[in-house]
Protein backbone atom coordinates (compact mmCIF):
# COMPACT_ATOMS: atom_id res chain seq x y z
CA MET A 1 65.43 70.52 85.19
CA ASP A 2 62.20 68.61 84.70
CA GLY A 3 59.91 68.50 81.68
CA THR A 4 57.63 71.32 82.89
CA ILE A 5 60.52 73.76 83.30
CA ALA A 6 61.87 72.75 79.89
CA LEU A 7 58.48 73.49 78.30
CA PHE A 8 58.36 76.91 79.96
CA LEU A 9 61.86 77.69 78.72
CA ILE A 10 60.98 76.55 75.19
CA GLN A 11 57.87 78.74 75.20
CA ASP A 12 59.89 81.74 76.36
CA GLY A 13 62.67 81.01 73.88
CA VAL A 14 60.34 80.65 70.90
CA THR A 15 58.52 83.89 71.83
CA ASN A 16 61.75 85.87 72.10
CA GLY A 17 63.13 84.14 69.01
CA ALA A 18 60.10 85.25 67.00
CA ILE A 19 60.90 88.90 67.79
CA TYR A 20 64.58 88.40 66.97
CA ALA A 21 63.48 86.80 63.69
CA LEU A 22 61.60 89.95 62.70
CA LEU A 23 64.60 92.14 63.50
CA ALA A 24 66.96 89.77 61.67
CA VAL A 25 64.74 89.87 58.57
CA ALA A 26 64.72 93.68 58.69
CA LEU A 27 68.51 93.78 58.99
CA VAL A 28 68.94 91.37 56.07
CA LEU A 29 66.49 93.41 53.97
CA VAL A 30 68.21 96.74 54.60
CA PHE A 31 71.72 95.32 54.12
CA ALA A 32 70.79 93.56 50.88
CA VAL A 33 69.28 96.69 49.35
CA THR A 34 71.57 99.42 50.73
CA ARG A 35 74.64 97.62 52.24
CA VAL A 36 73.85 99.39 55.53
CA ILE A 37 74.12 97.34 58.72
CA LEU A 38 71.20 99.03 60.46
CA ILE A 39 72.30 99.36 64.07
CA PRO A 40 69.33 101.73 64.81
CA GLN A 41 66.88 98.89 64.05
CA GLY A 42 66.44 98.33 67.79
CA ASP A 43 65.79 102.05 68.27
CA PHE A 44 62.71 101.76 66.09
CA VAL A 45 61.48 99.16 68.59
CA THR A 46 62.08 101.33 71.65
CA PHE A 47 60.68 104.46 70.02
CA GLY A 48 57.58 102.49 69.01
CA GLY A 49 57.06 100.87 72.43
CA LEU A 50 57.65 104.06 74.40
CA SER A 51 55.45 106.09 72.03
CA LEU A 52 52.63 103.57 72.47
CA ALA A 53 53.04 103.70 76.26
CA ALA A 54 52.88 107.51 76.22
CA LEU A 55 49.76 107.50 74.03
CA GLU A 56 48.05 105.01 76.34
CA MET A 57 48.64 107.50 79.18
CA GLY A 58 47.21 110.37 77.14
CA ARG A 59 50.55 112.08 76.61
CA VAL A 60 52.10 113.42 73.44
CA PRO A 61 55.12 111.12 72.85
CA GLY A 62 58.53 112.72 72.46
CA SER A 63 59.06 110.74 69.28
CA LEU A 64 56.78 113.28 67.59
CA TRP A 65 59.50 115.94 67.86
CA VAL A 66 62.12 113.47 66.64
CA LEU A 67 59.93 112.85 63.60
CA VAL A 68 59.52 116.59 62.98
CA ALA A 69 63.28 117.14 63.25
CA LEU A 70 64.01 114.26 60.85
CA ALA A 71 61.44 115.54 58.36
CA ALA A 72 62.93 119.04 58.51
CA GLY A 73 66.41 117.64 57.98
CA ALA A 74 65.29 115.53 55.01
CA MET A 75 63.52 118.53 53.47
CA VAL A 76 66.56 120.77 53.81
CA MET A 77 68.84 118.13 52.28
CA ASP A 78 66.47 117.61 49.35
CA LEU A 79 66.34 121.38 48.74
CA ILE A 80 70.13 121.64 48.87
CA SER A 81 70.53 118.67 46.52
CA ALA A 82 68.17 120.26 44.00
CA GLY A 83 70.55 123.25 43.77
CA ARG A 84 70.14 125.26 40.59
CA ASP A 85 67.41 122.93 39.31
CA LEU A 86 65.11 124.11 42.09
CA THR A 87 61.79 125.06 40.50
CA GLY A 88 58.40 125.71 42.01
CA ARG A 89 57.18 122.30 40.91
CA ARG A 90 60.19 120.57 42.44
CA VAL A 91 59.81 122.49 45.71
CA GLY A 92 56.21 121.33 45.84
CA ALA A 93 57.26 117.71 45.27
CA ILE A 94 59.85 117.95 48.05
CA LEU A 95 57.35 119.47 50.49
CA LEU A 96 54.79 116.82 49.58
CA ARG A 97 57.33 114.08 50.24
CA THR A 98 58.84 115.41 53.48
CA ALA A 99 56.99 118.23 55.25
CA VAL A 100 53.35 117.39 54.47
CA PRO A 101 53.30 113.85 55.98
CA ALA A 102 55.05 115.08 59.12
CA ALA A 103 52.60 118.01 59.43
CA ILE A 104 49.57 115.71 59.10
CA ILE A 105 50.95 113.29 61.70
CA THR A 106 51.78 116.17 64.06
CA VAL A 107 48.26 117.56 63.90
CA ALA A 108 46.75 114.09 64.39
CA VAL A 109 48.93 113.23 67.39
CA LEU A 110 48.51 116.61 69.10
CA GLY A 111 44.76 116.43 68.62
CA LEU A 112 44.09 112.78 69.44
CA ALA A 113 46.69 111.86 72.06
CA PRO A 114 45.00 113.66 75.03
CA LEU A 115 41.63 112.07 74.19
CA GLN A 116 42.80 108.47 74.99
CA LEU A 117 40.59 106.94 72.30
CA GLY A 118 41.66 103.38 72.98
CA PRO A 119 44.35 100.89 71.96
CA ALA A 120 43.50 100.82 68.24
CA VAL A 121 43.97 104.59 67.83
CA SER A 122 47.12 104.53 69.98
CA ILE A 123 48.62 101.77 67.82
CA LEU A 124 47.76 103.61 64.59
CA LEU A 125 49.34 106.81 65.88
CA SER A 126 52.47 104.90 66.97
CA VAL A 127 52.75 103.35 63.51
CA ALA A 128 52.32 106.79 61.92
CA LEU A 129 55.08 108.17 64.16
CA VAL A 130 57.69 105.46 63.66
CA VAL A 131 57.35 104.27 60.05
CA PRO A 132 58.26 107.64 58.41
CA MET A 133 61.38 107.83 60.58
CA GLY A 134 62.95 105.10 58.44
CA PRO A 135 63.00 106.93 55.07
CA TYR A 136 63.78 110.25 56.75
CA LEU A 137 66.75 108.68 58.53
CA TYR A 138 67.93 107.13 55.26
CA ARG A 139 67.74 110.49 53.49
CA ILE A 140 69.72 112.31 56.16
CA ALA A 141 72.34 109.77 57.23
CA PHE A 142 72.79 107.21 54.46
CA GLN A 143 71.67 108.47 51.05
CA PRO A 144 74.61 110.94 50.81
CA LEU A 145 76.93 107.96 51.52
CA ALA A 146 75.20 105.51 49.19
CA ARG A 147 78.40 104.74 47.26
CA ALA A 148 80.71 104.67 50.27
CA SER A 149 82.29 101.48 51.61
CA VAL A 150 80.48 99.18 54.02
CA LEU A 151 82.81 100.34 56.80
CA VAL A 152 81.86 104.00 56.29
CA LEU A 153 78.18 103.05 56.24
CA LEU A 154 78.68 101.07 59.46
CA ILE A 155 80.26 104.09 61.15
CA ALA A 156 77.34 106.24 60.02
CA SER A 157 74.95 103.59 61.35
CA VAL A 158 76.62 103.60 64.76
CA GLY A 159 76.44 107.40 64.80
CA ALA A 160 72.74 107.34 63.95
CA HIS A 161 72.12 104.82 66.73
CA LEU A 162 73.95 106.94 69.31
CA ALA A 163 72.03 110.04 68.21
CA LEU A 164 68.66 108.27 68.46
CA THR A 165 69.56 106.80 71.86
CA GLY A 166 70.44 110.27 73.16
CA LEU A 167 67.21 111.70 71.78
CA GLY A 168 65.32 108.83 73.40
CA LEU A 169 66.78 109.77 76.79
CA VAL A 170 65.88 113.43 76.26
CA PHE A 171 62.29 112.83 75.15
CA PHE A 172 61.31 109.69 77.10
CA GLY A 173 63.52 109.94 80.20
CA ALA A 174 65.33 107.12 81.99
CA GLU A 175 62.19 105.47 83.35
CA GLY A 176 60.98 102.24 81.74
CA TYR A 177 57.44 101.57 80.52
CA ARG A 178 55.22 98.65 79.54
CA THR A 179 52.07 98.77 77.49
CA ALA A 180 48.76 97.05 78.10
CA PRO A 181 48.54 93.49 76.63
CA LEU A 182 46.61 93.21 73.41
CA ILE A 183 45.01 89.99 74.65
CA ASP A 184 44.86 89.57 78.43
CA ALA A 185 44.22 85.85 78.73
CA SER A 186 46.00 82.59 79.45
CA PHE A 187 45.22 78.90 79.40
CA THR A 188 46.89 75.63 80.26
CA ILE A 189 48.15 72.89 77.95
CA GLY A 190 48.99 69.98 80.21
CA PRO A 191 51.43 71.32 82.80
CA LEU A 192 52.23 74.41 80.69
CA LEU A 193 50.59 77.80 81.31
CA VAL A 194 50.42 79.59 77.95
CA SER A 195 49.66 83.31 77.67
CA ALA A 196 47.61 84.51 74.71
CA GLN A 197 50.08 87.37 74.23
CA SER A 198 52.89 84.86 73.58
CA LEU A 199 50.79 83.06 70.99
CA LEU A 200 49.98 86.43 69.43
CA VAL A 201 53.69 87.19 69.12
CA ILE A 202 54.38 83.87 67.37
CA GLY A 203 51.30 84.10 65.15
CA ALA A 204 51.92 87.71 64.15
CA THR A 205 55.55 86.92 63.35
CA LEU A 206 54.57 84.01 61.11
CA ALA A 207 51.94 86.13 59.37
CA LEU A 208 54.40 88.96 58.77
CA LEU A 209 57.02 86.58 57.38
CA VAL A 210 54.43 85.15 54.97
CA LEU A 211 53.42 88.67 53.90
CA LEU A 212 57.06 89.56 53.29
CA SER A 213 57.48 86.42 51.19
CA VAL A 214 54.46 87.34 49.08
CA PHE A 215 55.65 90.95 48.81
CA PHE A 216 59.07 89.99 47.46
CA GLY A 217 57.77 87.21 45.23
CA ARG A 218 54.56 88.65 43.77
CA THR A 219 54.70 92.46 43.79
CA LEU A 220 56.52 94.82 41.41
CA ILE A 221 58.04 96.84 44.26
CA GLY A 222 59.25 93.66 45.96
CA LYS A 223 60.87 92.44 42.76
CA ALA A 224 62.52 95.86 42.29
CA LEU A 225 63.96 95.63 45.80
CA ARG A 226 65.26 92.13 45.04
CA ALA A 227 66.87 93.45 41.86
CA SER A 228 68.56 96.23 43.82
CA ALA A 229 69.76 93.67 46.34
CA ILE A 230 71.24 91.38 43.69
CA ASN A 231 72.97 94.01 41.55
CA GLN A 232 72.64 97.75 42.17
CA ARG A 233 74.32 98.75 38.92
CA GLY A 234 72.08 96.46 36.91
CA ALA A 235 69.04 97.79 38.74
CA ARG A 236 70.00 101.37 37.83
CA ILE A 237 70.49 100.41 34.19
CA VAL A 238 66.96 99.03 33.92
CA GLY A 239 65.51 102.16 35.54
CA ILE A 240 65.12 101.13 39.16
CA SER A 241 65.89 104.03 41.51
CA THR A 242 68.28 102.73 44.15
CA GLU A 243 67.53 105.82 46.26
CA LEU A 244 63.83 105.01 46.27
CA SER A 245 64.67 101.37 47.00
CA GLY A 246 66.68 102.50 50.01
CA ARG A 247 63.83 104.63 51.33
CA ILE A 248 61.36 101.77 50.90
CA ALA A 249 63.73 99.33 52.63
CA PHE A 250 64.15 101.71 55.58
CA ALA A 251 60.39 102.28 55.77
CA MET A 252 59.85 98.52 55.89
CA ALA A 253 62.52 98.17 58.58
CA ALA A 254 60.83 100.84 60.68
CA ALA A 255 57.46 99.14 60.14
CA ILE A 256 58.90 95.82 61.33
CA GLY A 257 60.34 97.69 64.31
CA ILE A 258 56.97 99.12 65.36
CA VAL A 259 55.28 95.74 64.92
CA SER A 260 57.96 94.19 67.15
CA ALA A 261 57.40 96.96 69.70
CA ILE A 262 53.64 96.41 69.79
CA LEU A 263 54.20 92.69 70.35
CA ILE A 264 56.88 92.78 73.05
CA ALA A 265 56.06 95.99 74.94
CA PRO A 266 53.41 94.18 77.05
CA LEU A 267 55.91 91.41 77.89
CA THR A 268 58.99 93.38 78.89
CA THR A 269 59.81 96.83 80.21
CA LEU A 270 61.34 99.05 77.56
CA TYR A 271 63.84 101.78 78.35
CA TYR A 272 65.29 104.42 76.04
CA ASP A 273 68.37 102.25 75.44
CA SER A 274 66.71 98.81 75.32
CA GLY A 275 66.87 98.81 71.54
CA PHE A 276 70.60 98.19 71.42
CA LEU A 277 70.48 94.77 73.10
CA ILE A 278 67.31 93.73 71.26
CA GLY A 279 68.69 94.82 67.92
CA LEU A 280 72.07 93.23 68.64
CA LYS A 281 70.46 89.82 69.14
CA GLY A 282 68.67 90.24 65.83
CA PHE A 283 72.02 91.20 64.32
CA VAL A 284 73.65 88.04 65.72
CA ALA A 285 70.89 85.98 64.13
CA ALA A 286 71.30 87.80 60.81
CA ILE A 287 75.07 87.21 60.86
CA ILE A 288 74.67 83.51 61.69
CA GLY A 289 72.19 83.31 58.81
CA GLY A 290 74.72 84.89 56.45
CA LEU A 291 73.24 88.44 56.34
CA THR A 292 71.90 87.71 52.84
CA ALA A 293 69.23 85.01 53.28
CA TYR A 294 65.95 85.30 55.17
CA VAL A 295 65.16 81.69 56.04
CA PRO A 296 68.54 80.92 57.71
CA ALA A 297 68.25 84.22 59.62
CA VAL A 298 64.83 83.21 60.96
CA GLY A 299 66.14 79.78 61.99
CA ALA A 300 69.14 81.36 63.68
CA ALA A 301 66.86 83.81 65.52
CA LEU A 302 64.80 80.97 66.98
CA ALA A 303 68.03 79.23 68.02
CA ILE A 304 69.21 82.48 69.67
CA GLY A 305 65.92 82.76 71.56
CA LEU A 306 66.15 79.18 72.84
CA LEU A 307 69.83 79.60 73.75
CA GLU A 308 69.01 82.77 75.69
CA SER A 309 66.12 81.10 77.49
CA PHE A 310 68.06 78.04 78.61
CA SER A 311 71.10 80.16 79.46
CA SER A 312 68.94 82.27 81.77
CA PHE A 313 68.07 79.08 83.65
CA TRP A 314 71.51 77.53 83.87
CA ALA A 315 73.65 80.67 84.11
CA SER A 316 71.47 83.78 84.26
CA SER A 317 74.41 86.10 84.99
CA PHE A 318 76.13 85.06 81.76
CA LYS A 319 73.16 84.65 79.42
CA GLU A 320 74.03 87.72 77.34
CA VAL A 321 77.65 86.61 77.11
CA ILE A 322 76.63 83.12 75.98
CA VAL A 323 74.28 84.52 73.34
CA PHE A 324 76.81 86.93 71.88
CA MET A 325 79.65 84.39 72.01
CA SER A 326 77.58 82.04 69.85
CA ILE A 327 78.51 84.21 66.88
CA LEU A 328 82.25 83.52 67.25
CA PRO A 329 82.39 79.94 65.88
CA VAL A 330 80.18 81.01 62.97
CA LEU A 331 82.47 83.94 62.10
CA LEU A 332 85.52 81.69 62.40
CA TRP A 333 83.96 79.06 60.16
CA ARG A 334 82.95 81.65 57.56
CA SER A 335 86.38 83.28 57.57
CA LEU A 336 87.96 79.88 56.84
CA LYS A 337 85.46 78.91 54.16
CA SER A 338 85.09 82.24 52.31
CA PRO A 339 87.97 83.34 50.06
CA PRO A 340 88.95 87.03 50.18
CA HIS A 341 87.28 89.16 47.52
CA ASP A 342 86.86 92.79 46.57
CA GLU A 343 83.80 94.65 47.72
CA GLU A 344 81.05 94.62 45.09
CA GLU A 345 79.36 97.89 44.18
């Protein structure tokens, strides 16, 4: 390996690591607020990328019907939960929270998708399709289990991932798609050919991480989410709705997923099941970072990206194995250092 190849591998590793960093941050966020290990995080990426590809071709993406089904499920569960307290005003609030957003998005997608109005409209429609899936999914699959153990929540998370993967196959098919690059340019720095899309991935990731830092440190909603993450019982005592915190956390995770999809869909072909491997690498980074802290998770994600890049050069057939085995010494070290303790509410 000479210096030029090493620079190419570093560029590729940092670009991939930036995407894994976003997914790791989303996983840490959701776990801290809800104790859910969000296996479907990668599915948000594939749904977003494949929806954007369909919109670029002037088609109505299948994710629209997934969104409608999730909204209907969330509405039914809210109506059932209301029970005897169901009044006209409460029915209106439930419809406004569940059915109305889905109806507006459905009308917009059905009307605008065939017109092929350009990348900006396609991206906005993809965001509108994917972001609401997060809170709807939380309402259907996780809110009823909010006080269950982490193991039960993990089983529910795996079930949700399998369901979304199956729906992805039904609505998008087995064929893979790429989207058009947001910036189609490249330039050279010494011996290194740098694509503008790669720089966009790194820049957008840094900008999003800064925005998240400001959100958690300076906004009331961010501080409420931090309170829920630190102590759910204490948060409830001071009037913070843990259910609303969960929905916001899932919405933010879905938003991070669609941003990741927009960034990587021009660089790699996405299939209906690509989200599992992408999300799993973000999960490995989150675990190495401790699953509770954002900065270590971001550092671990960059290390995972570089490890994957150099592994693809030295032993391409085993690169996935090498990446996933990197978690073993960390788990062993943590199991030796951490004393056993009861699960905190």
